[in-house]
Amino acid sequence: MKLEPNKLKGANNFYKDVGPYIGLGLQLAAIVTVMVFVGIWLDGQFDTKPVLTVVCAFFGVFAGMYTFIKSVLKAGNDKK
């Protein structure tokens, strides 16, 4: 089986275009998860059972979305 150079060039361009976006979903999920665990830990320390978990979860969502949007905009500007 012989690989055609044009197909390889197309695959390289595809991965070069998609590469910056591959880890963004995982990064968003990781930020939210870490913030939820921080909230659970803080609730255990201050005995405020659901309050700090919810606050940290919302903060994690907003921080994750901010990072996600910032990364997408930066990657989009880098392509120009």
Protein backbone atom coordinates (compact mmCIF):
# COMPACT_ATOMS: atom_id res chain seq x y z
CA MET A 1 0.00 0.00 0.00
CA LYS A 2 1.50 3.24 -1.12
CA LEU A 3 0.59 6.53 0.59
CA GLU A 4 -0.07 9.41 -1.72
CA PRO A 5 1.74 12.66 -0.84
CA ASN A 6 -1.35 14.78 -1.50
CA LYS A 7 -3.42 12.83 1.03
CA LEU A 8 -0.67 13.14 3.64
CA LYS A 9 -0.44 16.87 3.05
CA GLY A 10 -4.20 17.19 3.52
CA ALA A 11 -4.09 15.22 6.76
CA ASN A 12 -1.26 17.37 8.09
CA ASN A 13 -3.20 20.53 7.30
CA PHE A 14 -6.30 19.09 8.98
CA TYR A 15 -4.45 18.30 12.21
CA LYS A 16 -2.67 21.64 12.09
CA ASP A 17 -6.04 23.41 11.86
CA VAL A 18 -7.80 21.29 14.49
CA GLY A 19 -4.87 20.92 16.89
CA PRO A 20 -5.45 24.03 19.01
CA TYR A 21 -9.06 22.99 19.71
CA ILE A 22 -8.52 19.35 20.68
CA GLY A 23 -7.81 19.85 24.38
CA LEU A 24 -10.29 22.63 25.06
CA GLY A 25 -13.19 20.40 26.11
CA LEU A 26 -10.98 18.47 28.50
CA GLN A 27 -9.60 21.72 29.88
CA LEU A 28 -13.11 23.06 30.49
CA ALA A 29 -14.18 19.87 32.26
CA ALA A 30 -11.01 19.80 34.36
CA ILE A 31 -11.49 23.37 35.59
CA VAL A 32 -15.09 22.73 36.61
CA THR A 33 -14.18 19.43 38.31
CA VAL A 34 -11.30 20.95 40.27
CA MET A 35 -13.49 23.84 41.42
CA VAL A 36 -16.25 21.47 42.57
CA PHE A 37 -13.73 19.49 44.63
CA VAL A 38 -12.36 22.74 46.09
CA GLY A 39 -15.93 23.68 47.05
CA ILE A 40 -16.52 20.29 48.68
CA TRP A 41 -13.28 20.64 50.62
CA LEU A 42 -14.16 24.20 51.73
CA ASP A 43 -17.63 23.06 52.79
CA GLY A 44 -15.99 20.42 54.97
CA GLN A 45 -13.66 22.98 56.51
CA PHE A 46 -16.31 25.62 57.26
CA ASP A 47 -19.36 23.34 57.75
CA THR A 48 -21.44 25.17 55.10
CA LYS A 49 -22.44 21.97 53.32
CA PRO A 50 -23.86 22.88 49.89
CA VAL A 51 -23.15 26.62 49.73
CA LEU A 52 -19.45 26.76 48.85
CA THR A 53 -19.70 23.76 46.53
CA VAL A 54 -22.35 25.54 44.47
CA VAL A 55 -20.45 28.84 44.51
CA CYS A 56 -17.19 27.17 43.45
CA ALA A 57 -19.00 25.14 40.77
CA PHE A 58 -20.46 28.31 39.23
CA PHE A 59 -17.09 30.02 39.48
CA GLY A 60 -15.52 27.00 37.77
CA VAL A 61 -18.06 27.16 34.93
CA PHE A 62 -17.44 30.86 34.40
CA ALA A 63 -13.66 30.48 34.64
CA GLY A 64 -13.73 27.50 32.28
CA MET A 65 -15.90 29.30 29.74
CA TYR A 66 -13.65 32.37 29.94
CA THR A 67 -10.58 30.22 29.28
CA PHE A 68 -12.39 28.34 26.50
CA ILE A 69 -13.53 31.50 24.70
CA LYS A 70 -10.15 33.19 25.16
CA SER A 71 -8.35 30.17 23.68
CA VAL A 72 -10.75 29.91 20.72
CA LEU A 73 -10.41 33.62 19.92
CA LYS A 74 -6.63 33.44 20.19
CA ALA A 75 -6.47 30.38 17.94
CA GLY A 76 -8.80 32.08 15.45
CA ASN A 77 -6.65 35.21 15.39
CA ASP A 78 -3.48 33.17 14.94
CA LYS A 79 -4.90 31.65 11.73
CA LYS A 80 -5.24 35.07 10.07
